Amino acid sequence: MGFAFRKSAAAALLTLAIWTPAFGHAHLSKSVPAPGATVSQPSEIQLTFTEPLEPAFSIIELHDAAGKTVQTEKAQVKDNVMRLPLKSLPAGRYTVKWRVLSVDTHKTEGDFPFTVQP
């Protein structure tokens, strides 16, 4: 192998090593309802992440406008999607709070509001 080939291969490996940690966290890539959305009666909250999740350590909580936790069933996790089944919600503003652990042990969390219309 020539020097130029080894040099470019080393540069490629270095680039990969630098960028790899950026992909090590499960970031929220999509949600239904969307952050800030006004919706009719949703049947579930569905969160899609960029990495597979560890089901035992990943949760969704739903809070009403007063900050009280809304009682729901347990969230279901499969691969990189988390679903929270919902019963009928009164009209108003809600906040979705989530905490997840990706299968590579990185934790992330976040929240967003949505509104249920009358």
Protein backbone atom coordinates (compact mmCIF):
# COMPACT_ATOMS: atom_id res chain seq x y z
CA MET A 1 0.00 0.00 0.00
CA GLY A 2 1.21 3.42 -0.83
CA PHE A 3 1.68 6.27 1.56
CA ALA A 4 -1.19 8.29 0.00
CA PHE A 5 -3.62 5.38 0.48
CA ARG A 6 -2.66 4.91 4.13
CA LYS A 7 -2.91 8.65 4.73
CA SER A 8 -6.43 8.86 3.23
CA ALA A 9 -7.54 5.72 5.09
CA ALA A 10 -6.29 7.20 8.36
CA ALA A 11 -8.12 10.44 7.62
CA ALA A 12 -11.34 8.53 6.92
CA LEU A 13 -11.04 6.59 10.19
CA LEU A 14 -10.35 9.78 12.12
CA THR A 15 -13.41 11.44 10.60
CA LEU A 16 -15.56 8.42 11.49
CA ALA A 17 -14.23 8.43 15.06
CA ILE A 18 -15.06 12.13 15.44
CA TRP A 19 -18.60 11.81 14.04
CA THR A 20 -19.60 8.51 15.66
CA PRO A 21 -20.40 9.99 19.12
CA ALA A 22 -22.90 12.38 17.52
CA PHE A 23 -25.05 9.41 16.55
CA GLY A 24 -24.97 7.83 20.02
CA HIS A 25 -28.07 9.52 21.43
CA ALA A 26 -31.74 8.87 20.77
CA HIS A 27 -33.08 12.21 19.56
CA LEU A 28 -36.76 12.80 18.90
CA SER A 29 -37.21 12.84 15.14
CA LYS A 30 -41.02 12.87 14.86
CA SER A 31 -44.06 13.12 17.10
CA VAL A 32 -47.80 12.70 16.67
CA PRO A 33 -49.26 15.07 17.66
CA ALA A 34 -46.57 17.47 16.54
CA PRO A 35 -45.12 19.98 19.01
CA GLY A 36 -47.44 22.98 19.27
CA ALA A 37 -50.21 21.32 17.24
CA THR A 38 -53.92 21.75 17.85
CA VAL A 39 -55.68 18.45 17.32
CA SER A 40 -59.02 16.71 17.66
CA GLN A 41 -59.22 13.84 20.11
CA PRO A 42 -55.88 11.93 19.76
CA SER A 43 -55.98 8.18 20.37
CA GLU A 44 -52.28 8.01 21.22
CA ILE A 45 -49.05 9.90 21.46
CA GLN A 46 -46.41 8.47 19.15
CA LEU A 47 -42.76 9.44 19.44
CA THR A 48 -40.14 8.31 16.94
CA PHE A 49 -36.45 8.50 17.85
CA THR A 50 -33.22 8.30 15.88
CA GLU A 51 -31.98 5.25 17.84
CA PRO A 52 -33.58 2.07 19.22
CA LEU A 53 -34.76 2.46 22.83
CA GLU A 54 -34.39 0.39 25.98
CA PRO A 55 -38.08 -0.24 26.90
CA ALA A 56 -37.53 -0.68 30.65
CA PHE A 57 -35.98 2.79 30.97
CA SER A 58 -38.00 4.88 28.49
CA ILE A 59 -41.15 6.74 29.54
CA ILE A 60 -43.73 9.26 28.37
CA GLU A 61 -45.73 11.37 30.78
CA LEU A 62 -48.71 13.55 29.90
CA HIS A 63 -49.47 16.67 31.98
CA ASP A 64 -52.52 18.93 31.83
CA ALA A 65 -52.45 22.74 31.79
CA ALA A 66 -52.19 22.81 35.61
CA GLY A 67 -49.14 20.54 35.49
CA LYS A 68 -50.95 17.52 36.92
CA THR A 69 -50.07 14.10 35.52
CA VAL A 70 -52.82 12.65 33.33
CA GLN A 71 -53.43 8.99 34.16
CA THR A 72 -52.72 6.83 31.11
CA GLU A 73 -51.82 3.28 30.28
CA LYS A 74 -48.16 2.32 30.20
CA ALA A 75 -46.17 3.42 27.15
CA GLN A 76 -45.30 0.75 24.62
CA VAL A 77 -41.80 0.72 23.13
CA LYS A 78 -40.71 -1.13 20.02
CA ASP A 79 -37.35 -0.42 18.41
CA ASN A 80 -37.19 3.38 18.07
CA VAL A 81 -40.92 4.12 18.47
CA MET A 82 -42.74 4.81 21.73
CA ARG A 83 -46.55 4.91 21.90
CA LEU A 84 -48.77 6.09 24.73
CA PRO A 85 -52.43 5.01 24.33
CA LEU A 86 -54.90 7.72 25.39
CA LYS A 87 -58.45 7.77 26.61
CA SER A 88 -60.67 10.74 25.87
CA LEU A 89 -58.99 14.00 26.85
CA PRO A 90 -60.90 17.16 27.79
CA ALA A 91 -60.20 20.18 25.58
CA GLY A 92 -57.15 22.09 26.70
CA ARG A 93 -53.39 22.37 26.58
CA TYR A 94 -51.18 19.39 27.42
CA THR A 95 -47.47 18.81 27.79
CA VAL A 96 -45.74 15.61 26.72
CA LYS A 97 -42.61 14.84 28.74
CA TRP A 98 -40.32 12.01 27.70
CA ARG A 99 -37.14 10.41 28.99
CA VAL A 100 -35.46 7.66 27.02
CA LEU A 101 -32.44 5.44 27.21
CA SER A 102 -31.06 4.30 23.89
CA VAL A 103 -29.82 0.74 23.62
CA ASP A 104 -26.26 2.09 23.66
CA THR A 105 -27.00 3.58 27.16
CA HIS A 106 -27.28 7.28 26.30
CA LYS A 107 -30.10 9.20 28.03
CA THR A 108 -32.09 12.03 26.48
CA GLU A 109 -35.23 13.85 27.53
CA GLY A 110 -37.51 16.59 26.38
CA ASP A 111 -41.02 17.98 26.35
CA PHE A 112 -43.45 19.75 24.07
CA PRO A 113 -46.98 21.14 24.25
CA PHE A 114 -50.04 20.38 22.17
CA THR A 115 -53.69 21.43 22.42
CA VAL A 116 -56.87 19.37 22.19
CA GLN A 117 -59.60 21.43 20.59
CA PRO A 118 -63.20 21.40 21.89
